[in-house]
C-alpha atoms as a PDB file:
ATOM      1  CA  GLU A   1     -12.051  29.585  -8.767  1.00  0.00           C
ATOM      2  CA  GLY A   2     -10.964  27.134  -6.124  1.00  0.00           C
ATOM      3  CA  SER A   3      -7.837  25.488  -4.757  1.00  0.00           C
ATOM      4  CA  LEU A   4      -4.698  24.273  -6.512  1.00  0.00           C
ATOM      5  CA  VAL A   5      -2.537  21.507  -5.056  1.00  0.00           C
ATOM      6  CA  VAL A   6       0.865  20.644  -6.507  1.00  0.00           C
ATOM      7  CA  GLY A   7       3.864  19.275  -4.623  1.00  0.00           C
ATOM      8  CA  ASP A   8       4.048  21.057  -1.276  1.00  0.00           C
ATOM      9  CA  TYR A   9       1.977  24.012  -2.520  1.00  0.00           C
ATOM     10  CA  ILE A  10      -1.675  24.510  -1.606  1.00  0.00           C
ATOM     11  CA  GLY A  11      -3.354  27.783  -2.545  1.00  0.00           C
ATOM     12  CA  PRO A  12      -6.272  29.472  -4.279  1.00  0.00           C
ATOM     13  CA  PHE A  13      -6.733  30.059  -7.986  1.00  0.00           C
ATOM     14  CA  LYS A  14      -9.079  32.530  -9.663  1.00  0.00           C
ATOM     15  CA  ALA A  15     -10.751  32.903 -13.020  1.00  0.00           C
ATOM     16  CA  GLY A  16      -8.500  34.074 -15.831  1.00  0.00           C
ATOM     17  CA  GLU A  17      -5.205  33.068 -14.223  1.00  0.00           C
ATOM     18  CA  ILE A  18      -2.484  31.240 -16.163  1.00  0.00           C
ATOM     19  CA  TYR A  19      -0.277  28.436 -14.836  1.00  0.00           C
ATOM     20  CA  LEU A  20       2.714  26.615 -16.272  1.00  0.00           C
ATOM     21  CA  LEU A  21       3.156  22.980 -15.228  1.00  0.00           C
ATOM     22  CA  GLY A  22       6.173  20.809 -15.909  1.00  0.00           C
ATOM     23  CA  SER A  23       5.904  17.386 -17.521  1.00  0.00           C
ATOM     24  CA  GLN A  24       4.587  14.593 -15.279  1.00  0.00           C
ATOM     25  CA  THR A  25       3.717  17.014 -12.464  1.00  0.00           C
ATOM     26  CA  PRO A  26       0.701  15.660 -10.522  1.00  0.00           C
ATOM     27  CA  HIS A  27      -1.686  18.459  -9.663  1.00  0.00           C
ATOM     28  CA  VAL A  28      -5.324  19.120  -8.871  1.00  0.00           C
ATOM     29  CA  PHE A  29      -7.445  22.173  -9.640  1.00  0.00           C
ATOM     30  CA  ARG A  30     -10.491  21.785  -7.412  1.00  0.00           C
ATOM     31  CA  ASN A  31     -13.333  24.279  -7.776  1.00  0.00           C
ATOM     32  CA  THR A  32     -15.112  25.664  -4.733  1.00  0.00           C
ATOM     33  CA  GLU A  33     -18.122  23.731  -3.463  1.00  0.00           C
ATOM     34  CA  SER A  34     -20.566  26.100  -5.165  1.00  0.00           C
ATOM     35  CA  TYR A  35     -19.671  24.419  -8.467  1.00  0.00           C
ATOM     36  CA  TYR A  36     -20.729  20.989  -7.211  1.00  0.00           C
ATOM     37  CA  THR A  37     -23.880  21.813  -5.248  1.00  0.00           C
ATOM     38  CA  GLN A  38     -27.023  20.341  -6.751  1.00  0.00           C
ATOM     39  CA  GLY A  39     -29.155  22.935  -8.430  1.00  0.00           C
ATOM     40  CA  LYS A  40     -26.230  25.263  -9.121  1.00  0.00           C
ATOM     41  CA  LYS A  41     -25.595  26.194 -12.728  1.00  0.00           C
ATOM     42  CA  LYS A  42     -22.018  27.406 -12.345  1.00  0.00           C
ATOM     43  CA  LYS A  43     -19.621  25.859 -14.824  1.00  0.00           C
ATOM     44  CA  ALA A  44     -15.833  25.791 -15.075  1.00  0.00           C
ATOM     45  CA  HIS A  45     -13.740  25.835 -18.233  1.00  0.00           C
ATOM     46  CA  SER A  46     -10.006  25.670 -18.790  1.00  0.00           C
ATOM     47  CA  GLN A  47      -7.822  25.783 -21.865  1.00  0.00           C
ATOM     48  CA  SER A  48      -4.535  23.887 -21.993  1.00  0.00           C
ATOM     49  CA  ILE A  49      -1.573  23.903 -24.372  1.00  0.00           C
ATOM     50  CA  PHE A  50       0.814  20.941 -24.369  1.00  0.00           C
ATOM     51  CA  TYR A  51       4.402  21.331 -25.578  1.00  0.00           C
ATOM     52  CA  ASP A  52       6.126  18.020 -26.343  1.00  0.00           C
ATOM     53  CA  ALA A  53       9.778  18.697 -25.489  1.00  0.00           C
ATOM     54  CA  GLY A  54      10.932  15.333 -26.858  1.00  0.00           C
ATOM     55  CA  LEU A  55       9.195  15.826 -30.194  1.00  0.00           C
ATOM     56  CA  MET A  56      10.483  19.386 -30.551  1.00  0.00           C
ATOM     57  CA  GLU A  57      14.007  18.281 -29.668  1.00  0.00           C
ATOM     58  CA  LYS A  58      13.868  15.585 -32.316  1.00  0.00           C
ATOM     59  CA  HIS A  59      12.749  17.875 -35.136  1.00  0.00           C
ATOM     60  CA  LEU A  60      14.181  21.290 -34.206  1.00  0.00           C
ATOM     61  CA  SER A  61      17.673  20.428 -32.954  1.00  0.00           C
ATOM     62  CA  GLY A  62      20.316  21.922 -35.194  1.00  0.00           C
ATOM     63  CA  ILE A  63      18.192  24.925 -36.160  1.00  0.00           C
ATOM     64  CA  HIS A  64      19.981  27.987 -34.805  1.00  0.00           C
ATOM     65  CA  GLU A  65      16.811  29.957 -34.063  1.00  0.00           C
ATOM     66  CA  PHE A  66      15.566  27.219 -31.740  1.00  0.00           C
ATOM     67  CA  GLU A  67      18.813  26.856 -29.815  1.00  0.00           C
ATOM     68  CA  GLY A  68      18.084  26.755 -26.093  1.00  0.00           C
ATOM     69  CA  LEU A  69      14.364  26.052 -26.477  1.00  0.00           C
ATOM     70  CA  CYS A  70      14.422  22.353 -25.592  1.00  0.00           C
ATOM     71  CA  PRO A  71      16.689  22.794 -22.539  1.00  0.00           C
ATOM     72  CA  LEU A  72      14.276  25.511 -21.432  1.00  0.00           C
ATOM     73  CA  LEU A  73      11.278  23.183 -21.717  1.00  0.00           C
ATOM     74  CA  HIS A  74      13.097  20.476 -19.766  1.00  0.00           C
ATOM     75  CA  SER A  75      14.046  22.990 -17.037  1.00  0.00           C
ATOM     76  CA  TRP A  76      10.420  23.856 -16.280  1.00  0.00           C
ATOM     77  CA  ASP A  77       9.488  21.391 -13.556  1.00  0.00           C
ATOM     78  CA  GLY A  78       6.833  21.801 -10.906  1.00  0.00           C
ATOM     79  CA  CYS A  79       4.303  24.616 -11.092  1.00  0.00           C
ATOM     80  CA  TYR A  80       4.543  28.324 -11.902  1.00  0.00           C
ATOM     81  CA  LYS A  81       1.996  31.111 -11.837  1.00  0.00           C
ATOM     82  CA  VAL A  82       2.307  33.250 -14.955  1.00  0.00           C
ATOM     83  CA  SER A  83       2.153  37.013 -14.663  1.00  0.00           C
ATOM     84  CA  ASP A  84       0.452  38.560 -17.678  1.00  0.00           C
ATOM     85  CA  PRO A  85      -0.041  42.282 -16.928  1.00  0.00           C
ATOM     86  CA  LYS A  86      -0.764  43.244 -20.545  1.00  0.00           C
ATOM     87  CA  ASN A  87      -2.876  40.142 -21.296  1.00  0.00           C
ATOM     88  CA  SER A  88      -0.464  39.315 -24.132  1.00  0.00           C
ATOM     89  CA  ILE A  89      -0.222  35.634 -23.243  1.00  0.00           C
ATOM     90  CA  ARG A  90      -3.944  35.344 -22.571  1.00  0.00           C
ATOM     91  CA  ARG A  91      -4.754  36.734 -26.036  1.00  0.00           C
ATOM     92  CA  LYS A  92      -2.348  34.305 -27.690  1.00  0.00           C
ATOM     93  CA  ILE A  93      -3.832  31.347 -25.817  1.00  0.00           C
ATOM     94  CA  LEU A  94      -7.407  32.295 -26.694  1.00  0.00           C
ATOM     95  CA  SER A  95      -6.430  32.861 -30.339  1.00  0.00           C
ATOM     96  CA  LEU A  96      -5.504  29.183 -30.657  1.00  0.00           C
ATOM     97  CA  ARG A  97      -9.213  28.338 -30.627  1.00  0.00           C
ATOM     98  CA  THR A  98      -9.720  29.931 -34.009  1.00  0.00           C
ATOM     99  CA  THR A  99      -6.313  29.862 -35.748  1.00  0.00           C
ATOM    100  CA  THR A 100      -5.007  26.976 -37.845  1.00  0.00           C
ATOM    101  CA  GLY A 101      -1.885  25.919 -39.676  1.00  0.00           C
ATOM    102  CA  LEU A 102       1.251  28.043 -39.488  1.00  0.00           C
ATOM    103  CA  MET A 103      -0.526  30.818 -37.605  1.00  0.00           C
ATOM    104  CA  ARG A 104      -1.364  28.439 -34.747  1.00  0.00           C
ATOM    105  CA  ILE A 105       2.262  27.278 -34.591  1.00  0.00           C
ATOM    106  CA  ALA A 106       3.447  30.905 -34.662  1.00  0.00           C
ATOM    107  CA  HIS A 107       1.180  31.891 -31.758  1.00  0.00           C
ATOM    108  CA  SER A 108       2.306  28.847 -29.757  1.00  0.00           C
ATOM    109  CA  LEU A 109       5.947  29.802 -30.223  1.00  0.00           C
ATOM    110  CA  GLU A 110       5.201  33.432 -29.343  1.00  0.00           C
ATOM    111  CA  ILE A 111       3.833  32.240 -25.997  1.00  0.00           C
ATOM    112  CA  LEU A 112       7.102  30.397 -25.327  1.00  0.00           C
ATOM    113  CA  ASN A 113       9.063  33.483 -26.346  1.00  0.00           C
ATOM    114  CA  LEU A 114       7.157  35.626 -23.815  1.00  0.00           C
ATOM    115  CA  LEU A 115       7.980  33.111 -21.071  1.00  0.00           C
ATOM    116  CA  TRP A 116      11.603  32.634 -22.152  1.00  0.00           C
ATOM    117  CA  ASP A 117      13.515  34.778 -19.645  1.00  0.00           C
ATOM    118  CA  GLY A 118      11.437  33.634 -16.665  1.00  0.00           C
ATOM    119  CA  SER A 119      10.583  37.127 -15.421  1.00  0.00           C
ATOM    120  CA  LEU A 120       6.850  36.388 -15.724  1.00  0.00           C
ATOM    121  CA  LEU A 121       7.049  33.124 -13.773  1.00  0.00           C
ATOM    122  CA  GLN A 122       6.476  32.767 -10.033  1.00  0.00           C
ATOM    123  CA  ARG A 123       7.365  29.311  -8.776  1.00  0.00           C
ATOM    124  CA  LEU A 124       4.732  27.960  -6.394  1.00  0.00           C
ATOM    125  CA  ASN A 125       6.098  24.662  -5.097  1.00  0.00           C
ATOM    126  CA  SER A 126       9.574  24.290  -3.576  1.00  0.00           C
ATOM    127  CA  MET A 127      12.350  23.081  -5.868  1.00  0.00           C
ATOM    128  CA  ASP A 128      12.583  19.530  -4.569  1.00  0.00           C
ATOM    129  CA  SER A 129       8.924  18.858  -3.751  1.00  0.00           C
ATOM    130  CA  VAL A 130       8.141  17.477  -7.217  1.00  0.00           C
ATOM    131  CA  LYS A 131      10.146  14.420  -8.148  1.00  0.00           C
ATOM    132  CA  HIS A 132      10.448  12.859 -11.565  1.00  0.00           C
ATOM    133  CA  TYR A 133       7.474  10.543 -11.619  1.00  0.00           C
ATOM    134  CA  SER A 134       6.748   7.519 -13.683  1.00  0.00           C
ATOM    135  CA  GLU A 135       3.299   7.632 -15.262  1.00  0.00           C
ATOM    136  CA  ARG A 136       2.089   5.157 -12.641  1.00  0.00           C
ATOM    137  CA  GLU A 137       3.458   7.177  -9.722  1.00  0.00           C
ATOM    138  CA  GLY A 138       2.049  10.400 -11.128  1.00  0.00           C
ATOM    139  CA  LYS A 139      -1.405   8.895 -11.492  1.00  0.00           C
ATOM    140  CA  ARG A 140      -1.241   7.499  -7.946  1.00  0.00           C
ATOM    141  CA  MET A 141      -0.289  10.891  -6.493  1.00  0.00           C
ATOM    142  CA  GLU A 142      -2.958  12.672  -8.524  1.00  0.00           C
ATOM    143  CA  ASN A 143      -5.610  10.232  -7.261  1.00  0.00           C
ATOM    144  CA  VAL A 144      -4.500  10.797  -3.669  1.00  0.00           C
ATOM    145  CA  MET A 145      -4.579  14.584  -3.978  1.00  0.00           C
ATOM    146  CA  ARG A 146      -7.935  14.559  -5.718  1.00  0.00           C
ATOM    147  CA  PHE A 147      -9.415  12.339  -3.008  1.00  0.00           C
ATOM    148  CA  ILE A 148      -8.116  14.657  -0.277  1.00  0.00           C
ATOM    149  CA  MET A 149      -9.520  17.728  -2.023  1.00  0.00           C
ATOM    150  CA  GLU A 150     -12.925  16.129  -2.504  1.00  0.00           C
ATOM    151  CA  GLN A 151     -13.246  14.562   0.945  1.00  0.00           C
ATOM    152  CA  CYS A 152     -11.425  17.036   3.214  1.00  0.00           C
ATOM    153  CA  HIS A 153     -14.722  18.228   4.706  1.00  0.00           C
ATOM    154  CA  ARG A 154     -15.061  14.932   6.613  1.00  0.00           C
ATOM    155  CA  PRO A 155     -12.733  12.753   8.715  1.00  0.00           C
ATOM    156  CA  ILE A 156     -10.197  10.856   6.582  1.00  0.00           C
ATOM    157  CA  THR A 157      -8.296   8.023   8.221  1.00  0.00           C
ATOM    158  CA  LEU A 158      -4.787   6.922   7.315  1.00  0.00           C
ATOM    159  CA  PRO A 159      -5.944   3.390   6.319  1.00  0.00           C
ATOM    160  CA  GLU A 160      -8.562   4.960   4.047  1.00  0.00           C
ATOM    161  CA  ILE A 161      -6.146   7.223   2.178  1.00  0.00           C
ATOM    162  CA  ALA A 162      -3.546   4.436   2.005  1.00  0.00           C
ATOM    163  CA  GLU A 163      -6.161   2.265   0.311  1.00  0.00           C
ATOM    164  CA  VAL A 164      -6.707   4.979  -2.318  1.00  0.00           C
ATOM    165  CA  SER A 165      -2.986   4.793  -3.133  1.00  0.00           C
ATOM    166  CA  HIS A 166      -3.052   0.956  -3.162  1.00  0.00           C
ATOM    167  CA  MET A 167      -0.283   0.900  -0.552  1.00  0.00           C
ATOM    168  CA  ASN A 168      -0.012  -0.110   3.082  1.00  0.00           C
ATOM    169  CA  LYS A 169       0.067   2.650   5.711  1.00  0.00           C
ATOM    170  CA  GLU A 170       3.830   2.666   6.212  1.00  0.00           C
ATOM    171  CA  ALA A 171       4.622   2.722   2.480  1.00  0.00           C
ATOM    172  CA  PHE A 172       2.052   5.436   1.849  1.00  0.00           C
ATOM    173  CA  CYS A 173       3.463   7.682   4.595  1.00  0.00           C
ATOM    174  CA  ARG A 174       6.960   7.426   3.080  1.00  0.00           C
ATOM    175  CA  PHE A 175       5.634   7.952  -0.450  1.00  0.00           C
ATOM    176  CA  PHE A 176       3.591  10.998   0.535  1.00  0.00           C
ATOM    177  CA  LYS A 177       6.294  12.671   2.660  1.00  0.00           C
ATOM    178  CA  GLU A 178       8.918  12.257  -0.067  1.00  0.00           C
ATOM    179  CA  ARG A 179       6.691  13.994  -2.609  1.00  0.00           C
ATOM    180  CA  THR A 180       5.095  16.771  -0.580  1.00  0.00           C
ATOM    181  CA  ARG A 181       7.653  17.301   2.219  1.00  0.00           C
ATOM    182  CA  LYS A 182       4.704  17.164   4.595  1.00  0.00           C
ATOM    183  CA  THR A 183       3.041  14.442   6.605  1.00  0.00           C
ATOM    184  CA  PHE A 184      -0.440  13.448   5.518  1.00  0.00           C
ATOM    185  CA  THR A 185      -1.930  15.167   8.589  1.00  0.00           C
ATOM    186  CA  GLU A 186      -0.050  18.423   7.913  1.00  0.00           C
ATOM    187  CA  PHE A 187      -1.100  18.395   4.277  1.00  0.00           C
ATOM    188  CA  LEU A 188      -4.738  17.668   5.118  1.00  0.00           C
ATOM    189  CA  CYS A 189      -4.818  20.559   7.601  1.00  0.00           C
ATOM    190  CA  GLU A 190      -3.489  22.966   4.964  1.00  0.00           C
ATOM    191  CA  VAL A 191      -6.124  21.828   2.455  1.00  0.00           C
ATOM    192  CA  ARG A 192      -8.826  22.345   5.071  1.00  0.00           C
ATOM    193  CA  ILE A 193      -7.551  25.807   5.996  1.00  0.00           C
ATOM    194  CA  THR A 194      -7.512  26.795   2.314  1.00  0.00           C
ATOM    195  CA  ARG A 195     -11.148  25.685   2.123  1.00  0.00           C
ATOM    196  CA  ALA A 196     -11.911  27.624   5.313  1.00  0.00           C
ATOM    197  CA  CYS A 197     -10.432  30.805   3.825  1.00  0.00           C
ATOM    198  CA  HIS A 198     -12.908  30.619   0.977  1.00  0.00           C
ATOM    199  CA  LEU A 199     -15.831  29.944   3.328  1.00  0.00           C
ATOM    200  CA  LEU A 200     -14.834  32.911   5.508  1.00  0.00           C
ATOM    201  CA  SER A 201     -15.596  35.151   2.526  1.00  0.00           C
ATOM    202  CA  GLN A 202     -19.259  34.232   3.008  1.00  0.00           C
ATOM    203  CA  PRO A 203     -20.486  36.475   5.866  1.00  0.00           C
ATOM    204  CA  GLU A 204     -23.650  34.441   6.454  1.00  0.00           C
ATOM    205  CA  LEU A 205     -21.547  31.565   7.833  1.00  0.00           C
ATOM    206  CA  SER A 206     -20.457  31.688  11.464  1.00  0.00           C
ATOM    207  CA  ILE A 207     -16.880  30.780  12.415  1.00  0.00           C
ATOM    208  CA  SER A 208     -18.117  27.515  13.931  1.00  0.00           C
ATOM    209  CA  GLN A 209     -19.977  26.681  10.696  1.00  0.00           C
ATOM    210  CA  VAL A 210     -16.837  27.388   8.663  1.00  0.00           C
ATOM    211  CA  ALA A 211     -14.829  25.106  10.956  1.00  0.00           C
ATOM    212  CA  ALA A 212     -17.349  22.261  10.644  1.00  0.00           C
ATOM    213  CA  GLU A 213     -17.666  22.559   6.864  1.00  0.00           C
ATOM    214  CA  SER A 214     -13.872  22.578   6.553  1.00  0.00           C
ATOM    215  CA  GLY A 215     -13.520  19.264   8.350  1.00  0.00           C
ATOM    216  CA  PHE A 216     -12.745  20.484  11.876  1.00  0.00           C
ATOM    217  CA  ASN A 217     -14.994  19.063  14.577  1.00  0.00           C
ATOM    218  CA  ASN A 218     -13.318  21.089  17.323  1.00  0.00           C
ATOM    219  CA  LEU A 219     -13.568  24.885  17.139  1.00  0.00           C
ATOM    220  CA  SER A 220     -10.586  25.597  19.403  1.00  0.00           C
ATOM    221  CA  TYR A 221      -8.417  23.221  17.351  1.00  0.00           C
ATOM    222  CA  PHE A 222      -9.575  24.940  14.151  1.00  0.00           C
ATOM    223  CA  ASN A 223      -8.646  28.357  15.568  1.00  0.00           C
ATOM    224  CA  ARG A 224      -5.214  27.098  16.614  1.00  0.00           C
ATOM    225  CA  VAL A 225      -4.408  25.451  13.275  1.00  0.00           C
ATOM    226  CA  PHE A 226      -5.706  28.460  11.338  1.00  0.00           C
ATOM    227  CA  ARG A 227      -3.518  30.805  13.386  1.00  0.00           C
ATOM    228  CA  GLU A 228      -0.455  28.575  12.874  1.00  0.00           C
ATOM    229  CA  ILE A 229      -0.877  28.483   9.090  1.00  0.00           C
ATOM    230  CA  LYS A 230      -2.258  31.962   8.323  1.00  0.00           C
ATOM    231  CA  LYS A 231      -0.610  33.870  11.211  1.00  0.00           C
ATOM    232  CA  LEU A 232      -3.924  35.428  12.241  1.00  0.00           C
ATOM    233  CA  THR A 233      -7.259  34.285  13.622  1.00  0.00           C
ATOM    234  CA  PRO A 234     -10.220  33.316  11.408  1.00  0.00           C
ATOM    235  CA  LYS A 235     -12.083  36.397  12.651  1.00  0.00           C
ATOM    236  CA  ALA A 236      -9.181  38.691  11.754  1.00  0.00           C
ATOM    237  CA  TYR A 237      -8.821  37.001   8.365  1.00  0.00           C
ATOM    238  CA  ARG A 238     -12.504  37.581   7.593  1.00  0.00           C
ATOM    239  CA  LYS A 239     -12.263  41.231   8.642  1.00  0.00           C
ATOM    240  CA  THR A 240      -9.198  41.760   6.427  1.00  0.00           C
ATOM    241  CA  PHE A 241     -10.888  40.051   3.482  1.00  0.00           C
ATOM    242  CA  MET A 242     -14.032  42.156   3.811  1.00  0.00           C
ATOM    243  CA  THR A 243     -11.998  45.362   4.041  1.00  0.00           C
ATOM    244  CA  GLU A 244      -9.966  44.511   0.932  1.00  0.00           C
ATOM    245  CA  THR A 245     -13.138  43.583  -0.962  1.00  0.00           C
ATOM    246  CA  ARG A 246     -14.784  46.928  -0.158  1.00  0.00           C
ATOM    247  CA  GLU A 247     -11.658  48.871  -1.137  1.00  0.00           C
ATOM    248  CA  SER A 248     -11.366  47.071  -4.476  1.00  0.00           C
ATOM    249  CA  LYS A 249     -14.894  48.088  -5.520  1.00  0.00           C
END
């Protein structure tokens, strides 16, 4: 569990969820702080399947049964959350650990078949927030996002983040805005508010403690930014979360 950042999307992810990411889409899955605290024994594990559209196009073009598959793979850009109400896709993914040969290929293709019509896919980032990156650009953006996720609890200056991208301040601001549709300050605030939402689920922390641990040194500013992004106050958010948690038990 933690936060996912891709394009202009920033939001939480939970255990067991499935995501589909297009080729060369910079992204960061950052676990909550409890996974990094010294003395904690929590561990995270993910399983990934890579489909090489170019390779499949080369070897499967001309076979009637695979018509439309390669265009479909190329059309998946950005990030999608996969709905799997019957756990069909989850079972197929987990089966790849133990299957081999033709059975592994069959299960991989069955996963694609389940995703084919798009009804199970919820797009997370906006259509034009993920550009076609070169490998170098993708790595640069991934490094920037990872740095923000890891250091958002403290002040981050524009010269500091520009240095991470190996660009000057002006070039970095253009680069970042083109790829996220947000200024660096706007993006950083959203990352911090996402972190704050997780911390608000811990009742032992006061609102002022949540603000400080999320990177906000000013409580009134934290309340204002939280209200702008989440459309309710931190106190109201915590109350709603606690109510939903009790009702789900």
